[in-house]
């Protein structure tokens, strides 16, 4: 936001980055082990967009820009949860991997919901 100094160690920044790394590794696994290219690109795009949008929002030019970027990050997180479910239900990933990734994704969704709600109060 205007004149805002981004918090270097924010929970959202750290968790979305770590999740993005996990998603990149998942995509690599899907391509290497399953020769799956379409779903892997979908989950890679949406799963890494969460952190990228949160980082963009840190330097939003206005409160409205910040809210918009965070809202889009929330949509991307929701989409990622969808792709993870598809991957589980089509046996590309096992239940344990799904549960771990889904738990991280749901946590990000909760943080983003709170962030978007809080940003509307200002």
N, C-alpha and C. Protein backbone atom coordinates (compact mmCIF):
# COMPACT_ATOMS: atom_id res chain seq x y z
N UNK A 1 0.84 -1.16 0.00
CA UNK A 1 0.00 0.00 0.00
C UNK A 1 0.88 1.23 0.00
N UNK A 2 0.30 2.35 -0.29
CA UNK A 2 1.06 3.58 -0.38
C UNK A 2 1.95 3.78 0.83
N UNK A 3 3.23 3.86 0.60
CA UNK A 3 4.17 4.13 1.66
C UNK A 3 4.36 3.00 2.66
N UNK A 4 3.72 1.88 2.43
CA UNK A 4 3.82 0.76 3.38
C UNK A 4 5.16 0.06 3.24
N UNK A 5 5.68 -0.37 4.35
CA UNK A 5 6.88 -1.18 4.35
C UNK A 5 6.46 -2.62 4.55
N UNK A 6 6.74 -3.48 3.56
CA UNK A 6 6.32 -4.88 3.69
C UNK A 6 6.98 -5.56 4.88
N UNK A 7 6.23 -6.44 5.51
CA UNK A 7 6.78 -7.23 6.60
C UNK A 7 7.53 -8.40 6.02
N UNK A 8 8.81 -8.46 6.28
CA UNK A 8 9.66 -9.48 5.68
C UNK A 8 9.34 -10.89 6.18
N UNK A 9 8.86 -11.01 7.40
CA UNK A 9 8.62 -12.33 7.97
C UNK A 9 7.14 -12.57 8.25
N UNK A 10 6.27 -12.12 7.37
CA UNK A 10 4.85 -12.34 7.62
C UNK A 10 4.52 -13.82 7.46
N UNK A 11 3.52 -14.27 8.19
CA UNK A 11 3.09 -15.67 8.14
C UNK A 11 2.64 -16.02 6.72
N UNK A 12 1.85 -15.13 6.12
CA UNK A 12 1.37 -15.39 4.76
C UNK A 12 2.53 -15.50 3.78
N UNK A 13 3.49 -14.60 3.88
CA UNK A 13 4.65 -14.62 2.97
C UNK A 13 5.40 -15.95 3.11
N UNK A 14 5.69 -16.36 4.33
CA UNK A 14 6.46 -17.57 4.55
C UNK A 14 5.70 -18.83 4.15
N UNK A 15 4.44 -18.91 4.55
CA UNK A 15 3.65 -20.11 4.25
C UNK A 15 3.34 -20.23 2.77
N UNK A 16 3.05 -19.12 2.11
CA UNK A 16 2.75 -19.20 0.67
C UNK A 16 4.00 -19.55 -0.13
N UNK A 17 5.15 -19.08 0.31
CA UNK A 17 6.40 -19.44 -0.37
C UNK A 17 6.70 -20.93 -0.20
N UNK A 18 6.60 -21.41 1.03
CA UNK A 18 6.86 -22.84 1.29
C UNK A 18 5.86 -23.72 0.53
N UNK A 19 4.62 -23.28 0.46
CA UNK A 19 3.61 -24.02 -0.29
C UNK A 19 3.95 -24.02 -1.78
N UNK A 20 4.39 -22.89 -2.29
CA UNK A 20 4.80 -22.80 -3.69
C UNK A 20 5.92 -23.76 -4.02
N UNK A 21 6.88 -23.89 -3.13
CA UNK A 21 7.99 -24.83 -3.32
C UNK A 21 7.44 -26.26 -3.36
N UNK A 22 6.53 -26.57 -2.47
CA UNK A 22 5.93 -27.92 -2.45
C UNK A 22 5.17 -28.19 -3.76
N UNK A 23 4.49 -27.18 -4.26
CA UNK A 23 3.72 -27.33 -5.50
C UNK A 23 4.65 -27.54 -6.69
N UNK A 24 5.77 -26.83 -6.72
CA UNK A 24 6.75 -27.04 -7.80
C UNK A 24 7.26 -28.48 -7.75
N UNK A 25 7.56 -28.96 -6.56
CA UNK A 25 8.03 -30.35 -6.42
C UNK A 25 6.94 -31.35 -6.82
N UNK A 26 5.69 -31.05 -6.48
CA UNK A 26 4.58 -31.90 -6.89
C UNK A 26 4.49 -31.95 -8.41
N UNK A 27 4.60 -30.81 -9.04
CA UNK A 27 4.53 -30.75 -10.50
C UNK A 27 5.67 -31.55 -11.13
N UNK A 28 6.86 -31.43 -10.57
CA UNK A 28 8.00 -32.21 -11.07
C UNK A 28 7.73 -33.70 -10.92
N UNK A 29 7.17 -34.11 -9.79
CA UNK A 29 6.83 -35.51 -9.55
C UNK A 29 5.80 -36.00 -10.56
N UNK A 30 4.77 -35.19 -10.80
CA UNK A 30 3.72 -35.60 -11.74
C UNK A 30 4.26 -35.79 -13.16
N UNK A 31 5.16 -34.92 -13.57
CA UNK A 31 5.74 -35.02 -14.90
C UNK A 31 6.71 -36.19 -14.99
N UNK A 32 7.56 -36.34 -13.99
CA UNK A 32 8.58 -37.38 -14.01
C UNK A 32 8.00 -38.78 -13.81
N UNK A 33 7.17 -38.92 -12.80
CA UNK A 33 6.66 -40.25 -12.44
C UNK A 33 5.43 -40.68 -13.22
N UNK A 34 4.59 -39.73 -13.60
CA UNK A 34 3.32 -40.08 -14.23
C UNK A 34 3.20 -39.58 -15.67
N UNK A 35 4.19 -38.82 -16.13
CA UNK A 35 4.13 -38.22 -17.46
C UNK A 35 2.82 -37.43 -17.63
N UNK A 36 2.42 -36.76 -16.57
CA UNK A 36 1.19 -35.99 -16.56
C UNK A 36 1.56 -34.52 -16.73
N UNK A 37 1.11 -33.92 -17.84
CA UNK A 37 1.54 -32.57 -18.17
C UNK A 37 0.45 -31.52 -18.00
N UNK A 38 -0.80 -31.87 -18.22
CA UNK A 38 -1.88 -30.88 -18.19
C UNK A 38 -2.24 -30.50 -16.75
N UNK A 39 -2.59 -31.49 -15.94
CA UNK A 39 -2.96 -31.20 -14.55
C UNK A 39 -1.78 -30.63 -13.77
N UNK A 40 -0.58 -31.12 -14.08
CA UNK A 40 0.60 -30.61 -13.37
C UNK A 40 0.80 -29.12 -13.64
N UNK A 41 0.54 -28.69 -14.87
CA UNK A 41 0.67 -27.26 -15.18
C UNK A 41 -0.42 -26.43 -14.50
N UNK A 42 -1.62 -27.00 -14.41
CA UNK A 42 -2.72 -26.28 -13.76
C UNK A 42 -2.43 -26.05 -12.28
N UNK A 43 -2.02 -27.11 -11.58
CA UNK A 43 -1.76 -26.98 -10.15
C UNK A 43 -0.50 -26.13 -9.93
N UNK A 44 0.46 -26.22 -10.83
CA UNK A 44 1.67 -25.39 -10.73
C UNK A 44 1.32 -23.92 -10.86
N UNK A 45 0.49 -23.58 -11.84
CA UNK A 45 0.13 -22.20 -12.07
C UNK A 45 -0.64 -21.62 -10.89
N UNK A 46 -1.68 -22.31 -10.46
CA UNK A 46 -2.51 -21.76 -9.38
C UNK A 46 -1.79 -21.81 -8.03
N UNK A 47 -1.05 -22.89 -7.78
CA UNK A 47 -0.39 -23.04 -6.49
C UNK A 47 0.75 -22.07 -6.25
N UNK A 48 1.43 -21.69 -7.32
CA UNK A 48 2.53 -20.72 -7.17
C UNK A 48 2.02 -19.29 -7.26
N UNK A 49 0.85 -19.09 -7.85
CA UNK A 49 0.29 -17.74 -7.97
C UNK A 49 -0.10 -17.18 -6.60
N UNK A 50 -0.43 -18.04 -5.67
CA UNK A 50 -0.86 -17.57 -4.34
C UNK A 50 0.20 -16.68 -3.71
N UNK A 51 1.42 -17.19 -3.62
CA UNK A 51 2.50 -16.41 -3.01
C UNK A 51 2.90 -15.21 -3.85
N UNK A 52 2.88 -15.38 -5.18
CA UNK A 52 3.25 -14.27 -6.06
C UNK A 52 2.28 -13.10 -5.89
N UNK A 53 1.00 -13.41 -5.82
CA UNK A 53 0.00 -12.34 -5.63
C UNK A 53 0.10 -11.70 -4.25
N UNK A 54 0.36 -12.51 -3.24
CA UNK A 54 0.53 -11.96 -1.89
C UNK A 54 1.73 -11.02 -1.86
N UNK A 55 2.80 -11.40 -2.55
CA UNK A 55 3.98 -10.53 -2.61
C UNK A 55 3.68 -9.25 -3.38
N UNK A 56 2.93 -9.37 -4.48
CA UNK A 56 2.54 -8.18 -5.23
C UNK A 56 1.73 -7.24 -4.35
N UNK A 57 0.83 -7.81 -3.56
CA UNK A 57 -0.05 -7.00 -2.71
C UNK A 57 0.74 -6.18 -1.70
N UNK A 58 1.88 -6.69 -1.27
CA UNK A 58 2.70 -5.96 -0.30
C UNK A 58 3.07 -4.58 -0.81
N UNK A 59 3.19 -4.44 -2.12
CA UNK A 59 3.55 -3.16 -2.72
C UNK A 59 2.39 -2.57 -3.51
N UNK A 60 1.17 -2.93 -3.11
CA UNK A 60 0.00 -2.38 -3.78
C UNK A 60 0.03 -0.86 -3.75
N UNK A 61 -0.48 -0.26 -4.81
CA UNK A 61 -0.44 1.20 -4.90
C UNK A 61 -1.57 1.87 -4.11
N UNK A 62 -2.50 1.06 -3.66
CA UNK A 62 -3.60 1.59 -2.85
C UNK A 62 -4.19 0.45 -2.03
N UNK A 63 -5.07 0.79 -1.10
CA UNK A 63 -5.75 -0.25 -0.32
C UNK A 63 -6.62 -1.11 -1.22
N UNK A 64 -7.23 -0.49 -2.22
CA UNK A 64 -8.06 -1.25 -3.17
C UNK A 64 -7.21 -2.23 -3.97
N UNK A 65 -6.02 -1.81 -4.35
CA UNK A 65 -5.11 -2.69 -5.08
C UNK A 65 -4.68 -3.87 -4.20
N UNK A 66 -4.37 -3.57 -2.94
CA UNK A 66 -4.01 -4.61 -1.98
C UNK A 66 -5.14 -5.62 -1.84
N UNK A 67 -6.37 -5.14 -1.62
CA UNK A 67 -7.52 -6.03 -1.48
C UNK A 67 -7.74 -6.87 -2.73
N UNK A 68 -7.59 -6.25 -3.88
CA UNK A 68 -7.79 -6.96 -5.15
C UNK A 68 -6.78 -8.10 -5.30
N UNK A 69 -5.52 -7.83 -5.04
CA UNK A 69 -4.48 -8.86 -5.17
C UNK A 69 -4.71 -10.00 -4.17
N UNK A 70 -5.08 -9.65 -2.96
CA UNK A 70 -5.34 -10.68 -1.95
C UNK A 70 -6.58 -11.49 -2.30
N UNK A 71 -7.57 -10.85 -2.87
CA UNK A 71 -8.78 -11.57 -3.30
C UNK A 71 -8.46 -12.54 -4.43
N UNK A 72 -7.62 -12.13 -5.34
CA UNK A 72 -7.22 -13.03 -6.43
C UNK A 72 -6.38 -14.18 -5.88
N UNK A 73 -5.50 -13.89 -4.92
CA UNK A 73 -4.71 -14.95 -4.28
C UNK A 73 -5.64 -15.98 -3.63
N UNK A 74 -6.71 -15.51 -3.01
CA UNK A 74 -7.69 -16.40 -2.40
C UNK A 74 -8.36 -17.28 -3.45
N UNK A 75 -8.70 -16.71 -4.58
CA UNK A 75 -9.29 -17.48 -5.67
C UNK A 75 -8.31 -18.54 -6.18
N UNK A 76 -7.06 -18.18 -6.29
CA UNK A 76 -6.03 -19.13 -6.74
C UNK A 76 -5.87 -20.27 -5.73
N UNK A 77 -5.94 -19.95 -4.45
CA UNK A 77 -5.84 -20.98 -3.42
C UNK A 77 -7.02 -21.94 -3.51
N UNK A 78 -8.19 -21.40 -3.72
CA UNK A 78 -9.38 -22.23 -3.88
C UNK A 78 -9.25 -23.13 -5.11
N UNK A 79 -8.75 -22.57 -6.21
CA UNK A 79 -8.53 -23.37 -7.42
C UNK A 79 -7.50 -24.47 -7.17
N UNK A 80 -6.46 -24.15 -6.45
CA UNK A 80 -5.43 -25.14 -6.14
C UNK A 80 -6.02 -26.29 -5.35
N UNK A 81 -6.87 -25.97 -4.40
CA UNK A 81 -7.53 -27.02 -3.62
C UNK A 81 -8.34 -27.95 -4.54
N UNK A 82 -8.98 -27.38 -5.53
CA UNK A 82 -9.73 -28.16 -6.51
C UNK A 82 -8.80 -29.11 -7.27
N UNK A 83 -7.69 -28.60 -7.78
CA UNK A 83 -6.75 -29.44 -8.55
C UNK A 83 -6.17 -30.55 -7.68
N UNK A 84 -5.88 -30.24 -6.42
CA UNK A 84 -5.37 -31.27 -5.52
C UNK A 84 -6.39 -32.39 -5.34
N UNK A 85 -7.65 -32.03 -5.22
CA UNK A 85 -8.70 -33.04 -5.09
C UNK A 85 -8.80 -33.90 -6.35
N UNK A 86 -8.72 -33.26 -7.49
CA UNK A 86 -8.76 -34.00 -8.76
C UNK A 86 -7.59 -34.97 -8.83
N UNK A 87 -6.40 -34.50 -8.46
CA UNK A 87 -5.22 -35.37 -8.50
C UNK A 87 -5.35 -36.56 -7.57
N UNK A 88 -5.95 -36.33 -6.41
CA UNK A 88 -6.17 -37.44 -5.46
C UNK A 88 -7.21 -38.42 -6.01
N UNK A 89 -8.30 -37.89 -6.48
CA UNK A 89 -9.40 -38.75 -6.93
C UNK A 89 -9.11 -39.49 -8.23
N UNK A 90 -8.07 -39.08 -8.94
CA UNK A 90 -7.66 -39.79 -10.16
C UNK A 90 -6.38 -40.61 -9.91
N UNK A 91 -6.02 -40.74 -8.65
CA UNK A 91 -4.89 -41.58 -8.22
C UNK A 91 -3.52 -41.11 -8.71
N UNK A 92 -3.39 -39.81 -8.99
CA UNK A 92 -2.06 -39.28 -9.30
C UNK A 92 -1.26 -39.03 -8.03
N UNK A 93 -1.97 -38.72 -6.94
CA UNK A 93 -1.30 -38.57 -5.64
C UNK A 93 -2.06 -39.41 -4.62
N UNK A 94 -1.33 -39.90 -3.63
CA UNK A 94 -1.97 -40.74 -2.62
C UNK A 94 -2.62 -39.88 -1.54
N UNK A 95 -3.37 -40.54 -0.69
CA UNK A 95 -4.13 -39.86 0.35
C UNK A 95 -3.24 -39.07 1.30
N UNK A 96 -2.10 -39.64 1.68
CA UNK A 96 -1.20 -38.95 2.62
C UNK A 96 -0.66 -37.65 2.03
N UNK A 97 -0.21 -37.70 0.78
CA UNK A 97 0.30 -36.49 0.13
C UNK A 97 -0.82 -35.47 -0.03
N UNK A 98 -1.98 -35.95 -0.44
CA UNK A 98 -3.12 -35.04 -0.57
C UNK A 98 -3.43 -34.35 0.76
N UNK A 99 -3.53 -35.12 1.83
CA UNK A 99 -3.87 -34.55 3.14
C UNK A 99 -2.87 -33.48 3.56
N UNK A 100 -1.61 -33.75 3.34
CA UNK A 100 -0.57 -32.79 3.72
C UNK A 100 -0.67 -31.50 2.90
N UNK A 101 -0.79 -31.64 1.59
CA UNK A 101 -0.89 -30.46 0.72
C UNK A 101 -2.20 -29.71 0.96
N UNK A 102 -3.29 -30.46 1.11
CA UNK A 102 -4.59 -29.84 1.32
C UNK A 102 -4.62 -29.08 2.64
N UNK A 103 -4.02 -29.63 3.67
CA UNK A 103 -3.96 -28.94 4.96
C UNK A 103 -3.25 -27.59 4.81
N UNK A 104 -2.12 -27.59 4.11
CA UNK A 104 -1.40 -26.33 3.88
C UNK A 104 -2.24 -25.35 3.06
N UNK A 105 -2.92 -25.87 2.06
CA UNK A 105 -3.75 -25.03 1.20
C UNK A 105 -4.91 -24.42 1.98
N UNK A 106 -5.58 -25.22 2.78
CA UNK A 106 -6.70 -24.73 3.60
C UNK A 106 -6.21 -23.67 4.59
N UNK A 107 -5.04 -23.87 5.14
CA UNK A 107 -4.47 -22.88 6.06
C UNK A 107 -4.25 -21.55 5.34
N UNK A 108 -3.73 -21.62 4.12
CA UNK A 108 -3.54 -20.40 3.33
C UNK A 108 -4.89 -19.74 3.02
N UNK A 109 -5.88 -20.54 2.70
CA UNK A 109 -7.21 -20.01 2.42
C UNK A 109 -7.74 -19.25 3.64
N UNK A 110 -7.58 -19.83 4.82
CA UNK A 110 -8.05 -19.18 6.04
C UNK A 110 -7.32 -17.85 6.29
N UNK A 111 -6.02 -17.85 6.08
CA UNK A 111 -5.24 -16.62 6.26
C UNK A 111 -5.69 -15.56 5.26
N UNK A 112 -5.90 -15.98 4.03
CA UNK A 112 -6.31 -15.03 2.99
C UNK A 112 -7.72 -14.49 3.24
N UNK A 113 -8.62 -15.34 3.69
CA UNK A 113 -9.97 -14.87 4.04
C UNK A 113 -9.88 -13.81 5.13
N UNK A 114 -9.11 -14.08 6.17
CA UNK A 114 -8.96 -13.12 7.26
C UNK A 114 -8.33 -11.82 6.76
N UNK A 115 -7.35 -11.93 5.88
CA UNK A 115 -6.67 -10.76 5.35
C UNK A 115 -7.63 -9.90 4.53
N UNK A 116 -8.40 -10.56 3.68
CA UNK A 116 -9.36 -9.82 2.84
C UNK A 116 -10.43 -9.17 3.71
N UNK A 117 -10.95 -9.90 4.69
CA UNK A 117 -11.97 -9.33 5.57
C UNK A 117 -11.43 -8.13 6.35
N UNK A 118 -10.23 -8.28 6.88
CA UNK A 118 -9.61 -7.21 7.65
C UNK A 118 -9.35 -5.98 6.77
N UNK A 119 -8.96 -6.21 5.53
CA UNK A 119 -8.66 -5.08 4.64
C UNK A 119 -9.91 -4.27 4.29
N UNK A 120 -11.08 -4.87 4.41
CA UNK A 120 -12.33 -4.16 4.14
C UNK A 120 -12.74 -3.27 5.30
N UNK A 121 -12.16 -3.50 6.47
CA UNK A 121 -12.50 -2.70 7.65
C UNK A 121 -11.83 -1.34 7.64
N UNK A 122 -10.73 -1.25 6.91
CA UNK A 122 -9.96 0.02 6.89
C UNK A 122 -10.68 1.12 6.13
